[in-house]
Amino acid sequence: MSTLLKGNVSLSADMAIRFEKAFGVRADNLRRMQKAYSLARARAHEDEIKVGKFAETA
């Protein structure tokens, strides 16, 4: 739990269920929050991600 709280690991499904059982917070909500946080962190440096547009061929 320490590594999770320090931000060194992301919330796993198993850990979310443990939190649900211990604190009554829905695991689904915790996982959604983790996904949103992870995406926000990626967006913070999206200009560093270099990918060309995919060109569909007929």
C-alpha atoms as a PDB file:
ATOM      1  CA  MET A   1       0.000   0.000   0.000  1.00  0.00           C
ATOM      2  CA  SER A   2       2.910   2.335   0.687  1.00  0.00           C
ATOM      3  CA  THR A   3       4.130   2.178  -2.922  1.00  0.00           C
ATOM      4  CA  LEU A   4       0.590   2.865  -4.142  1.00  0.00           C
ATOM      5  CA  LEU A   5       0.180   5.921  -1.910  1.00  0.00           C
ATOM      6  CA  LYS A   6       3.585   7.254  -2.982  1.00  0.00           C
ATOM      7  CA  GLY A   7       2.537   6.937  -6.622  1.00  0.00           C
ATOM      8  CA  ASN A   8       5.125   4.302  -7.495  1.00  0.00           C
ATOM      9  CA  VAL A   9       2.570   1.722  -8.696  1.00  0.00           C
ATOM     10  CA  SER A  10      -0.929   1.933 -10.114  1.00  0.00           C
ATOM     11  CA  LEU A  11      -4.000   0.472  -8.464  1.00  0.00           C
ATOM     12  CA  SER A  12      -4.505  -3.162  -9.458  1.00  0.00           C
ATOM     13  CA  ALA A  13      -7.914  -4.821  -9.621  1.00  0.00           C
ATOM     14  CA  ASP A  14      -7.038  -6.973  -6.603  1.00  0.00           C
ATOM     15  CA  MET A  15      -5.984  -3.957  -4.559  1.00  0.00           C
ATOM     16  CA  ALA A  16      -9.174  -2.113  -5.556  1.00  0.00           C
ATOM     17  CA  ILE A  17     -11.250  -5.032  -4.262  1.00  0.00           C
ATOM     18  CA  ARG A  18      -9.264  -5.026  -1.023  1.00  0.00           C
ATOM     19  CA  PHE A  19     -10.000  -1.314  -0.569  1.00  0.00           C
ATOM     20  CA  GLU A  20     -13.675  -1.969  -1.313  1.00  0.00           C
ATOM     21  CA  LYS A  21     -13.838  -4.649   1.358  1.00  0.00           C
ATOM     22  CA  ALA A  22     -11.889  -2.608   3.904  1.00  0.00           C
ATOM     23  CA  PHE A  23     -13.362   0.873   3.357  1.00  0.00           C
ATOM     24  CA  GLY A  24     -16.605   0.379   1.407  1.00  0.00           C
ATOM     25  CA  VAL A  25     -15.438   2.377  -1.624  1.00  0.00           C
ATOM     26  CA  ARG A  26     -16.560   0.689  -4.852  1.00  0.00           C
ATOM     27  CA  ALA A  27     -13.688  -1.009  -6.679  1.00  0.00           C
ATOM     28  CA  ASP A  28     -15.174   0.139 -10.002  1.00  0.00           C
ATOM     29  CA  ASN A  29     -14.931   3.785  -8.938  1.00  0.00           C
ATOM     30  CA  LEU A  30     -11.357   3.354  -7.754  1.00  0.00           C
ATOM     31  CA  ARG A  31     -10.336   1.737 -11.056  1.00  0.00           C
ATOM     32  CA  ARG A  32     -12.024   4.539 -13.052  1.00  0.00           C
ATOM     33  CA  MET A  33     -10.153   7.105 -10.971  1.00  0.00           C
ATOM     34  CA  GLN A  34      -6.871   5.256 -11.587  1.00  0.00           C
ATOM     35  CA  LYS A  35      -7.518   5.163 -15.338  1.00  0.00           C
ATOM     36  CA  ALA A  36      -8.320   8.891 -15.415  1.00  0.00           C
ATOM     37  CA  TYR A  37      -5.172   9.678 -13.423  1.00  0.00           C
ATOM     38  CA  SER A  38      -2.984   7.547 -15.697  1.00  0.00           C
ATOM     39  CA  LEU A  39      -4.413   9.198 -18.814  1.00  0.00           C
ATOM     40  CA  ALA A  40      -3.930  12.681 -17.341  1.00  0.00           C
ATOM     41  CA  ARG A  41      -0.272  11.880 -16.633  1.00  0.00           C
ATOM     42  CA  ALA A  42       0.211  10.661 -20.203  1.00  0.00           C
ATOM     43  CA  ARG A  43      -1.527  13.758 -21.580  1.00  0.00           C
ATOM     44  CA  ALA A  44       0.872  15.947 -19.614  1.00  0.00           C
ATOM     45  CA  HIS A  45       3.680  14.858 -21.940  1.00  0.00           C
ATOM     46  CA  GLU A  46       1.772  13.907 -25.084  1.00  0.00           C
ATOM     47  CA  ASP A  47       3.870  16.313 -27.156  1.00  0.00           C
ATOM     48  CA  GLU A  48       6.798  13.927 -26.585  1.00  0.00           C
ATOM     49  CA  ILE A  49       4.854  11.014 -28.129  1.00  0.00           C
ATOM     50  CA  LYS A  50       5.676  10.956 -31.832  1.00  0.00           C
ATOM     51  CA  VAL A  51       3.304   8.945 -33.999  1.00  0.00           C
ATOM     52  CA  GLY A  52       2.363   9.494 -37.602  1.00  0.00           C
ATOM     53  CA  LYS A  53      -1.243   9.402 -38.782  1.00  0.00           C
ATOM     54  CA  PHE A  54      -2.292   5.970 -40.045  1.00  0.00           C
ATOM     55  CA  ALA A  55      -3.044   6.021 -43.763  1.00  0.00           C
ATOM     56  CA  GLU A  56      -5.681   3.522 -44.822  1.00  0.00           C
ATOM     57  CA  THR A  57      -4.967   1.757 -48.093  1.00  0.00           C
ATOM     58  CA  ALA A  58      -7.654   0.528 -50.444  1.00  0.00           C
END
